[in-house]
């Protein structure tokens, strides 16, 4: 499990060895997606911002073990890099990631839909695996929540550029929708820590079975994101009508704009 096991499965995919590697490879993912005019660039762009926030917090000494936090950044991101590389090579990948990557081949979904599909796979599946590999302590794990929450307002402001409906919801709801995102993120991360604890209690030969079960749950949630209830479909249709007619390449440029 972790970066060493992944590298044996996918020797032709470059994995990160340091936080600077993570930032470089995420930027590379964004650039490749832009060259291909693919919606696959949205998630690594957001991921890059959050990685920089966490790295800065580690440098400030905000964690009991800054080195363990950096190790976690690397191990966590390598789960994404491995899944992405294997998908592009036509190899088997976790089903939750398959949903996200297949959806990114189409520009018919909203930016926020692409982000939620990728976040579902990365947090509900990858995070527990990476946390168990690094054996990150709960106290520092929880500190990450606060740092991620601080970045929600910035991300919300950038997403508001992509849809008049999102801007209206943000204006009428104030910070309610942001607090909902923070709460949902915290809930998913709490579940991921529980997965990590379960993996650490499980003998090594039996861990792939546990990971497969977690993947199945994440895949089910991803499918619900793709086929939401009627009310949500109506809201998404309205948001789609108000989203600017930009290509994925142009949308990434818009999100990246200061």
C-alpha atoms as a PDB file:
ATOM      1  CA  UNK A   1       0.000   0.000   0.000  1.00  0.00           C
ATOM      2  CA  UNK A   2       1.132   3.598  -0.589  1.00  0.00           C
ATOM      3  CA  UNK A   3       3.658   5.089  -2.974  1.00  0.00           C
ATOM      4  CA  UNK A   4       6.008   2.079  -3.041  1.00  0.00           C
ATOM      5  CA  UNK A   5       3.257  -0.380  -3.985  1.00  0.00           C
ATOM      6  CA  UNK A   6       1.807   1.963  -6.573  1.00  0.00           C
ATOM      7  CA  UNK A   7       5.154   2.502  -8.284  1.00  0.00           C
ATOM      8  CA  UNK A   8       5.489  -1.260  -8.869  1.00  0.00           C
ATOM      9  CA  UNK A   9       2.122  -1.294 -10.593  1.00  0.00           C
ATOM     10  CA  UNK A  10       2.747   1.775 -12.714  1.00  0.00           C
ATOM     11  CA  UNK A  11       6.457   2.214 -13.379  1.00  0.00           C
ATOM     12  CA  UNK A  12       5.919   4.569 -16.315  1.00  0.00           C
ATOM     13  CA  UNK A  13       4.020   7.162 -14.245  1.00  0.00           C
ATOM     14  CA  UNK A  14       6.062   9.763 -12.418  1.00  0.00           C
ATOM     15  CA  UNK A  15       5.137   9.925  -8.751  1.00  0.00           C
ATOM     16  CA  UNK A  16       6.018  12.688  -6.312  1.00  0.00           C
ATOM     17  CA  UNK A  17       8.872  12.342  -3.839  1.00  0.00           C
ATOM     18  CA  UNK A  18       8.505  15.782  -2.258  1.00  0.00           C
ATOM     19  CA  UNK A  19       5.956  18.555  -1.865  1.00  0.00           C
ATOM     20  CA  UNK A  20       7.664  20.524  -4.625  1.00  0.00           C
ATOM     21  CA  UNK A  21       7.207  17.461  -6.852  1.00  0.00           C
ATOM     22  CA  UNK A  22       3.504  17.437  -5.992  1.00  0.00           C
ATOM     23  CA  UNK A  23       3.115  21.077  -7.018  1.00  0.00           C
ATOM     24  CA  UNK A  24       5.068  20.536 -10.222  1.00  0.00           C
ATOM     25  CA  UNK A  25       3.104  17.434 -11.210  1.00  0.00           C
ATOM     26  CA  UNK A  26      -0.256  19.029 -10.428  1.00  0.00           C
ATOM     27  CA  UNK A  27       0.652  22.004 -12.594  1.00  0.00           C
ATOM     28  CA  UNK A  28       1.699  19.552 -15.301  1.00  0.00           C
ATOM     29  CA  UNK A  29      -1.710  17.849 -15.068  1.00  0.00           C
ATOM     30  CA  UNK A  30      -3.418  21.218 -15.537  1.00  0.00           C
ATOM     31  CA  UNK A  31      -1.222  22.065 -18.529  1.00  0.00           C
ATOM     32  CA  UNK A  32      -1.861  18.685 -20.191  1.00  0.00           C
ATOM     33  CA  UNK A  33      -5.610  19.090 -19.697  1.00  0.00           C
ATOM     34  CA  UNK A  34      -5.471  22.556 -21.214  1.00  0.00           C
ATOM     35  CA  UNK A  35      -3.519  21.272 -24.211  1.00  0.00           C
ATOM     36  CA  UNK A  36      -6.170  18.580 -24.651  1.00  0.00           C
ATOM     37  CA  UNK A  37      -9.019  21.026 -23.945  1.00  0.00           C
ATOM     38  CA  UNK A  38     -10.199  18.639 -21.220  1.00  0.00           C
ATOM     39  CA  UNK A  39     -12.294  19.158 -18.100  1.00  0.00           C
ATOM     40  CA  UNK A  40      -9.712  17.011 -16.286  1.00  0.00           C
ATOM     41  CA  UNK A  41      -7.839  20.235 -15.491  1.00  0.00           C
ATOM     42  CA  UNK A  42     -10.361  21.592 -12.990  1.00  0.00           C
ATOM     43  CA  UNK A  43      -9.541  19.259 -10.100  1.00  0.00           C
ATOM     44  CA  UNK A  44      -5.713  19.454 -10.175  1.00  0.00           C
ATOM     45  CA  UNK A  45      -5.979  23.261 -10.311  1.00  0.00           C
ATOM     46  CA  UNK A  46      -8.036  23.364  -7.104  1.00  0.00           C
ATOM     47  CA  UNK A  47      -5.822  20.661  -5.613  1.00  0.00           C
ATOM     48  CA  UNK A  48      -2.739  22.773  -6.341  1.00  0.00           C
ATOM     49  CA  UNK A  49      -4.141  25.727  -4.387  1.00  0.00           C
ATOM     50  CA  UNK A  50      -4.952  23.567  -1.374  1.00  0.00           C
ATOM     51  CA  UNK A  51      -1.542  21.857  -1.493  1.00  0.00           C
ATOM     52  CA  UNK A  52       0.188  25.231  -1.388  1.00  0.00           C
ATOM     53  CA  UNK A  53      -1.941  26.267   1.599  1.00  0.00           C
ATOM     54  CA  UNK A  54      -1.031  23.093   3.486  1.00  0.00           C
ATOM     55  CA  UNK A  55       2.659  23.382   2.625  1.00  0.00           C
ATOM     56  CA  UNK A  56       2.693  26.978   3.870  1.00  0.00           C
ATOM     57  CA  UNK A  57       1.039  25.882   7.124  1.00  0.00           C
ATOM     58  CA  UNK A  58       3.676  23.188   7.572  1.00  0.00           C
ATOM     59  CA  UNK A  59       6.420  25.748   6.997  1.00  0.00           C
ATOM     60  CA  UNK A  60       4.831  28.009   9.635  1.00  0.00           C
ATOM     61  CA  UNK A  61       4.964  25.197  12.191  1.00  0.00           C
ATOM     62  CA  UNK A  62       1.182  24.794  12.486  1.00  0.00           C
ATOM     63  CA  UNK A  63       1.455  21.020  12.945  1.00  0.00           C
ATOM     64  CA  UNK A  64       2.921  18.818  15.663  1.00  0.00           C
ATOM     65  CA  UNK A  65       4.873  17.035  12.923  1.00  0.00           C
ATOM     66  CA  UNK A  66       5.436  19.174   9.838  1.00  0.00           C
ATOM     67  CA  UNK A  67       7.469  16.400   8.254  1.00  0.00           C
ATOM     68  CA  UNK A  68       4.624  13.909   8.686  1.00  0.00           C
ATOM     69  CA  UNK A  69       2.264  16.427   7.076  1.00  0.00           C
ATOM     70  CA  UNK A  70       4.601  16.766   4.090  1.00  0.00           C
ATOM     71  CA  UNK A  71       4.830  12.987   3.841  1.00  0.00           C
ATOM     72  CA  UNK A  72       1.037  12.889   3.857  1.00  0.00           C
ATOM     73  CA  UNK A  73       0.811  15.461   1.057  1.00  0.00           C
ATOM     74  CA  UNK A  74       3.086  13.293  -1.083  1.00  0.00           C
ATOM     75  CA  UNK A  75       1.400   9.961  -0.320  1.00  0.00           C
ATOM     76  CA  UNK A  76      -2.094  11.385  -0.822  1.00  0.00           C
ATOM     77  CA  UNK A  77      -1.299  13.064  -4.127  1.00  0.00           C
ATOM     78  CA  UNK A  78       0.408   9.947  -5.444  1.00  0.00           C
ATOM     79  CA  UNK A  79      -2.894   8.106  -5.175  1.00  0.00           C
ATOM     80  CA  UNK A  80      -4.301  10.632  -7.662  1.00  0.00           C
ATOM     81  CA  UNK A  81      -1.252  10.621  -9.942  1.00  0.00           C
ATOM     82  CA  UNK A  82      -1.287   6.824 -10.075  1.00  0.00           C
ATOM     83  CA  UNK A  83      -5.014   6.593 -10.869  1.00  0.00           C
ATOM     84  CA  UNK A  84      -4.711   9.300 -13.523  1.00  0.00           C
ATOM     85  CA  UNK A  85      -1.677   7.687 -15.154  1.00  0.00           C
ATOM     86  CA  UNK A  86      -3.212   4.226 -15.185  1.00  0.00           C
ATOM     87  CA  UNK A  87      -6.455   5.571 -16.654  1.00  0.00           C
ATOM     88  CA  UNK A  88      -4.595   7.334 -19.439  1.00  0.00           C
ATOM     89  CA  UNK A  89      -2.678   4.103 -20.115  1.00  0.00           C
ATOM     90  CA  UNK A  90      -5.911   2.097 -20.328  1.00  0.00           C
ATOM     91  CA  UNK A  91      -5.157   0.122 -17.176  1.00  0.00           C
ATOM     92  CA  UNK A  92      -7.524  -0.864 -14.379  1.00  0.00           C
ATOM     93  CA  UNK A  93      -8.205   1.834 -11.783  1.00  0.00           C
ATOM     94  CA  UNK A  94     -10.571   2.248  -8.816  1.00  0.00           C
ATOM     95  CA  UNK A  95     -14.156   2.523 -10.015  1.00  0.00           C
ATOM     96  CA  UNK A  96     -14.737   5.815  -8.198  1.00  0.00           C
ATOM     97  CA  UNK A  97     -11.886   7.379 -10.157  1.00  0.00           C
ATOM     98  CA  UNK A  98     -13.189   5.807 -13.354  1.00  0.00           C
ATOM     99  CA  UNK A  99     -16.439   7.752 -12.975  1.00  0.00           C
ATOM    100  CA  UNK A 100     -14.569  11.038 -12.485  1.00  0.00           C
ATOM    101  CA  UNK A 101     -12.123  10.552 -15.359  1.00  0.00           C
ATOM    102  CA  UNK A 102     -14.803   9.362 -17.786  1.00  0.00           C
ATOM    103  CA  UNK A 103     -16.957  12.386 -16.933  1.00  0.00           C
ATOM    104  CA  UNK A 104     -13.971  14.681 -17.534  1.00  0.00           C
ATOM    105  CA  UNK A 105     -13.870  13.490 -21.148  1.00  0.00           C
ATOM    106  CA  UNK A 106     -17.146  15.325 -21.624  1.00  0.00           C
ATOM    107  CA  UNK A 107     -17.636  19.048 -21.138  1.00  0.00           C
ATOM    108  CA  UNK A 108     -21.403  18.643 -20.656  1.00  0.00           C
ATOM    109  CA  UNK A 109     -21.155  18.659 -16.844  1.00  0.00           C
ATOM    110  CA  UNK A 110     -20.726  21.765 -14.732  1.00  0.00           C
ATOM    111  CA  UNK A 111     -17.342  22.635 -13.248  1.00  0.00           C
ATOM    112  CA  UNK A 112     -18.679  21.940  -9.775  1.00  0.00           C
ATOM    113  CA  UNK A 113     -19.914  18.488 -10.878  1.00  0.00           C
ATOM    114  CA  UNK A 114     -16.449  17.558 -12.157  1.00  0.00           C
ATOM    115  CA  UNK A 115     -14.899  18.771  -8.905  1.00  0.00           C
ATOM    116  CA  UNK A 116     -17.321  16.822  -6.717  1.00  0.00           C
ATOM    117  CA  UNK A 117     -16.739  13.588  -8.643  1.00  0.00           C
ATOM    118  CA  UNK A 118     -12.973  13.911  -8.259  1.00  0.00           C
ATOM    119  CA  UNK A 119     -13.211  14.956  -4.609  1.00  0.00           C
ATOM    120  CA  UNK A 120     -15.449  11.972  -3.930  1.00  0.00           C
ATOM    121  CA  UNK A 121     -12.836   9.534  -5.250  1.00  0.00           C
ATOM    122  CA  UNK A 122      -9.887  11.306  -3.673  1.00  0.00           C
ATOM    123  CA  UNK A 123     -11.334  11.871  -0.198  1.00  0.00           C
ATOM    124  CA  UNK A 124     -13.735   8.952   0.219  1.00  0.00           C
ATOM    125  CA  UNK A 125     -11.262   6.433  -1.205  1.00  0.00           C
ATOM    126  CA  UNK A 126      -7.679   7.717  -1.425  1.00  0.00           C
ATOM    127  CA  UNK A 127      -7.481   9.650   1.824  1.00  0.00           C
ATOM    128  CA  UNK A 128      -8.014   6.668   4.114  1.00  0.00           C
ATOM    129  CA  UNK A 129      -5.398   4.646   2.216  1.00  0.00           C
ATOM    130  CA  UNK A 130      -2.812   7.435   2.359  1.00  0.00           C
ATOM    131  CA  UNK A 131      -3.505   8.199   6.025  1.00  0.00           C
ATOM    132  CA  UNK A 132      -2.983   4.553   6.979  1.00  0.00           C
ATOM    133  CA  UNK A 133       0.241   4.417   4.964  1.00  0.00           C
ATOM    134  CA  UNK A 134       1.680   7.522   6.640  1.00  0.00           C
ATOM    135  CA  UNK A 135       0.035   6.779  10.028  1.00  0.00           C
ATOM    136  CA  UNK A 136      -0.762  10.432  10.511  1.00  0.00           C
ATOM    137  CA  UNK A 137      -1.950  11.357  14.000  1.00  0.00           C
ATOM    138  CA  UNK A 138      -5.560  12.424  14.492  1.00  0.00           C
ATOM    139  CA  UNK A 139      -4.669  15.837  15.943  1.00  0.00           C
ATOM    140  CA  UNK A 140      -2.689  16.935  12.890  1.00  0.00           C
ATOM    141  CA  UNK A 141      -5.239  15.272  10.601  1.00  0.00           C
ATOM    142  CA  UNK A 142      -7.952  17.459  12.146  1.00  0.00           C
ATOM    143  CA  UNK A 143      -5.811  20.588  11.802  1.00  0.00           C
ATOM    144  CA  UNK A 144      -5.923  20.082   8.047  1.00  0.00           C
ATOM    145  CA  UNK A 145      -9.703  20.611   8.166  1.00  0.00           C
ATOM    146  CA  UNK A 146      -9.303  24.170   9.384  1.00  0.00           C
ATOM    147  CA  UNK A 147      -6.793  25.031   6.674  1.00  0.00           C
ATOM    148  CA  UNK A 148      -8.987  23.556   3.944  1.00  0.00           C
ATOM    149  CA  UNK A 149     -11.970  25.473   5.322  1.00  0.00           C
ATOM    150  CA  UNK A 150     -10.046  28.734   4.983  1.00  0.00           C
ATOM    151  CA  UNK A 151      -9.649  28.081   1.270  1.00  0.00           C
ATOM    152  CA  UNK A 152     -13.364  27.465   0.653  1.00  0.00           C
ATOM    153  CA  UNK A 153     -14.237  31.162   0.349  1.00  0.00           C
ATOM    154  CA  UNK A 154     -11.574  31.681  -2.325  1.00  0.00           C
ATOM    155  CA  UNK A 155     -12.701  28.624  -4.252  1.00  0.00           C
ATOM    156  CA  UNK A 156     -16.348  29.681  -3.921  1.00  0.00           C
ATOM    157  CA  UNK A 157     -15.530  33.124  -5.304  1.00  0.00           C
ATOM    158  CA  UNK A 158     -13.798  31.583  -8.311  1.00  0.00           C
ATOM    159  CA  UNK A 159     -16.608  29.086  -8.931  1.00  0.00           C
ATOM    160  CA  UNK A 160     -19.111  31.947  -8.807  1.00  0.00           C
ATOM    161  CA  UNK A 161     -17.522  33.233 -12.011  1.00  0.00           C
ATOM    162  CA  UNK A 162     -18.693  30.087 -13.781  1.00  0.00           C
ATOM    163  CA  UNK A 163     -22.423  30.472 -13.124  1.00  0.00           C
ATOM    164  CA  UNK A 164     -24.883  33.292 -12.496  1.00  0.00           C
ATOM    165  CA  UNK A 165     -26.971  30.870 -10.433  1.00  0.00           C
ATOM    166  CA  UNK A 166     -24.020  30.101  -8.144  1.00  0.00           C
ATOM    167  CA  UNK A 167     -23.399  33.823  -7.675  1.00  0.00           C
ATOM    168  CA  UNK A 168     -27.060  34.337  -6.792  1.00  0.00           C
ATOM    169  CA  UNK A 169     -27.041  31.421  -4.345  1.00  0.00           C
ATOM    170  CA  UNK A 170     -23.904  32.793  -2.715  1.00  0.00           C
ATOM    171  CA  UNK A 171     -25.416  36.279  -2.477  1.00  0.00           C
ATOM    172  CA  UNK A 172     -28.724  35.109  -1.007  1.00  0.00           C
ATOM    173  CA  UNK A 173     -27.233  32.408   1.176  1.00  0.00           C
ATOM    174  CA  UNK A 174     -24.292  34.381   2.476  1.00  0.00           C
ATOM    175  CA  UNK A 175     -21.794  31.919   3.900  1.00  0.00           C
ATOM    176  CA  UNK A 176     -24.390  29.183   4.365  1.00  0.00           C
ATOM    177  CA  UNK A 177     -23.375  27.292   1.225  1.00  0.00           C
ATOM    178  CA  UNK A 178     -19.700  27.621   2.149  1.00  0.00           C
ATOM    179  CA  UNK A 179     -20.390  26.278   5.643  1.00  0.00           C
ATOM    180  CA  UNK A 180     -22.247  23.360   4.041  1.00  0.00           C
ATOM    181  CA  UNK A 181     -19.204  22.580   1.905  1.00  0.00           C
ATOM    182  CA  UNK A 182     -16.929  22.794   4.955  1.00  0.00           C
ATOM    183  CA  UNK A 183     -19.239  20.505   6.934  1.00  0.00           C
ATOM    184  CA  UNK A 184     -19.457  17.989   4.092  1.00  0.00           C
ATOM    185  CA  UNK A 185     -15.691  18.017   3.662  1.00  0.00           C
ATOM    186  CA  UNK A 186     -15.138  17.504   7.366  1.00  0.00           C
ATOM    187  CA  UNK A 187     -17.654  14.631   7.420  1.00  0.00           C
ATOM    188  CA  UNK A 188     -15.906  12.924   4.501  1.00  0.00           C
ATOM    189  CA  UNK A 189     -12.503  13.385   6.131  1.00  0.00           C
ATOM    190  CA  UNK A 190     -13.776  11.941   9.438  1.00  0.00           C
ATOM    191  CA  UNK A 191     -14.964   8.884   7.544  1.00  0.00           C
ATOM    192  CA  UNK A 192     -11.581   8.645   5.796  1.00  0.00           C
ATOM    193  CA  UNK A 193      -9.781   8.605   9.155  1.00  0.00           C
ATOM    194  CA  UNK A 194     -12.068   5.774  10.252  1.00  0.00           C
ATOM    195  CA  UNK A 195     -11.097   3.894   7.088  1.00  0.00           C
ATOM    196  CA  UNK A 196      -7.416   4.434   7.926  1.00  0.00           C
ATOM    197  CA  UNK A 197      -7.931   3.040  11.426  1.00  0.00           C
ATOM    198  CA  UNK A 198      -9.720   0.034   9.962  1.00  0.00           C
ATOM    199  CA  UNK A 199      -6.897  -0.596   7.512  1.00  0.00           C
ATOM    200  CA  UNK A 200      -4.295  -0.429  10.272  1.00  0.00           C
ATOM    201  CA  UNK A 201      -6.263  -3.041  12.245  1.00  0.00           C
ATOM    202  CA  UNK A 202      -6.478  -5.294   9.178  1.00  0.00           C
ATOM    203  CA  UNK A 203      -3.691  -7.763   8.297  1.00  0.00           C
ATOM    204  CA  UNK A 204      -1.771  -6.679   5.199  1.00  0.00           C
ATOM    205  CA  UNK A 205      -3.064  -9.504   2.926  1.00  0.00           C
ATOM    206  CA  UNK A 206      -6.687  -8.539   3.688  1.00  0.00           C
ATOM    207  CA  UNK A 207      -6.332  -4.793   3.079  1.00  0.00           C
ATOM    208  CA  UNK A 208      -7.087  -4.891  -0.682  1.00  0.00           C
ATOM    209  CA  UNK A 209     -10.502  -6.329   0.173  1.00  0.00           C
ATOM    210  CA  UNK A 210     -11.185  -3.445   2.573  1.00  0.00           C
ATOM    211  CA  UNK A 211     -10.063  -0.903  -0.034  1.00  0.00           C
ATOM    212  CA  UNK A 212     -12.356  -2.558  -2.607  1.00  0.00           C
ATOM    213  CA  UNK A 213     -15.292  -2.182  -0.218  1.00  0.00           C
ATOM    214  CA  UNK A 214     -14.499   1.499   0.313  1.00  0.00           C
ATOM    215  CA  UNK A 215     -14.201   1.955  -3.464  1.00  0.00           C
ATOM    216  CA  UNK A 216     -17.646   0.406  -3.901  1.00  0.00           C
ATOM    217  CA  UNK A 217     -19.165   2.884  -1.444  1.00  0.00           C
ATOM    218  CA  UNK A 218     -17.409   5.836  -3.092  1.00  0.00           C
ATOM    219  CA  UNK A 219     -18.532   4.614  -6.513  1.00  0.00           C
ATOM    220  CA  UNK A 220     -22.120   4.468  -5.332  1.00  0.00           C
ATOM    221  CA  UNK A 221     -21.898   8.051  -4.114  1.00  0.00           C
ATOM    222  CA  UNK A 222     -20.325   9.096  -7.418  1.00  0.00           C
ATOM    223  CA  UNK A 223     -23.196   7.539  -9.332  1.00  0.00           C
ATOM    224  CA  UNK A 224     -25.643   9.517  -7.222  1.00  0.00           C
ATOM    225  CA  UNK A 225     -23.747  12.662  -8.174  1.00  0.00           C
ATOM    226  CA  UNK A 226     -24.165  11.738 -11.837  1.00  0.00           C
ATOM    227  CA  UNK A 227     -27.854  10.889 -11.402  1.00  0.00           C
ATOM    228  CA  UNK A 228     -29.116  13.191  -8.642  1.00  0.00           C
ATOM    229  CA  UNK A 229     -32.760  13.493  -7.495  1.00  0.00           C
ATOM    230  CA  UNK A 230     -35.169  15.459  -9.700  1.00  0.00           C
ATOM    231  CA  UNK A 231     -34.896  18.691  -7.702  1.00  0.00           C
ATOM    232  CA  UNK A 232     -31.119  18.659  -7.961  1.00  0.00           C
ATOM    233  CA  UNK A 233     -31.311  17.930 -11.699  1.00  0.00           C
ATOM    234  CA  UNK A 234     -33.532  20.971 -12.183  1.00  0.00           C
ATOM    235  CA  UNK A 235     -31.097  23.194 -10.277  1.00  0.00           C
ATOM    236  CA  UNK A 236     -28.149  21.822 -12.251  1.00  0.00           C
ATOM    237  CA  UNK A 237     -29.988  22.441 -15.510  1.00  0.00           C
ATOM    238  CA  UNK A 238     -30.622  26.035 -14.460  1.00  0.00           C
ATOM    239  CA  UNK A 239     -26.976  26.460 -13.477  1.00  0.00           C
ATOM    240  CA  UNK A 240     -25.884  25.001 -16.816  1.00  0.00           C
ATOM    241  CA  UNK A 241     -27.962  27.618 -18.642  1.00  0.00           C
ATOM    242  CA  UNK A 242     -26.168  30.393 -16.744  1.00  0.00           C
ATOM    243  CA  UNK A 243     -22.651  28.973 -17.139  1.00  0.00           C
ATOM    244  CA  UNK A 244     -20.653  30.914 -19.741  1.00  0.00           C
ATOM    245  CA  UNK A 245     -20.054  29.206 -23.084  1.00  0.00           C
ATOM    246  CA  UNK A 246     -16.371  28.562 -22.443  1.00  0.00           C
ATOM    247  CA  UNK A 247     -14.284  25.596 -23.511  1.00  0.00           C
ATOM    248  CA  UNK A 248     -12.603  23.584 -20.712  1.00  0.00           C
ATOM    249  CA  UNK A 249      -9.327  25.290 -21.643  1.00  0.00           C
ATOM    250  CA  UNK A 250     -10.918  28.726 -21.302  1.00  0.00           C
ATOM    251  CA  UNK A 251     -12.663  27.705 -18.084  1.00  0.00           C
ATOM    252  CA  UNK A 252      -9.368  26.745 -16.460  1.00  0.00           C
ATOM    253  CA  UNK A 253      -7.963  30.134 -17.477  1.00  0.00           C
ATOM    254  CA  UNK A 254     -11.009  31.812 -15.925  1.00  0.00           C
ATOM    255  CA  UNK A 255     -10.667  29.877 -12.663  1.00  0.00           C
ATOM    256  CA  UNK A 256      -6.940  30.601 -12.497  1.00  0.00           C
ATOM    257  CA  UNK A 257      -7.426  34.318 -13.051  1.00  0.00           C
ATOM    258  CA  UNK A 258      -6.557  36.334  -9.946  1.00  0.00           C
END
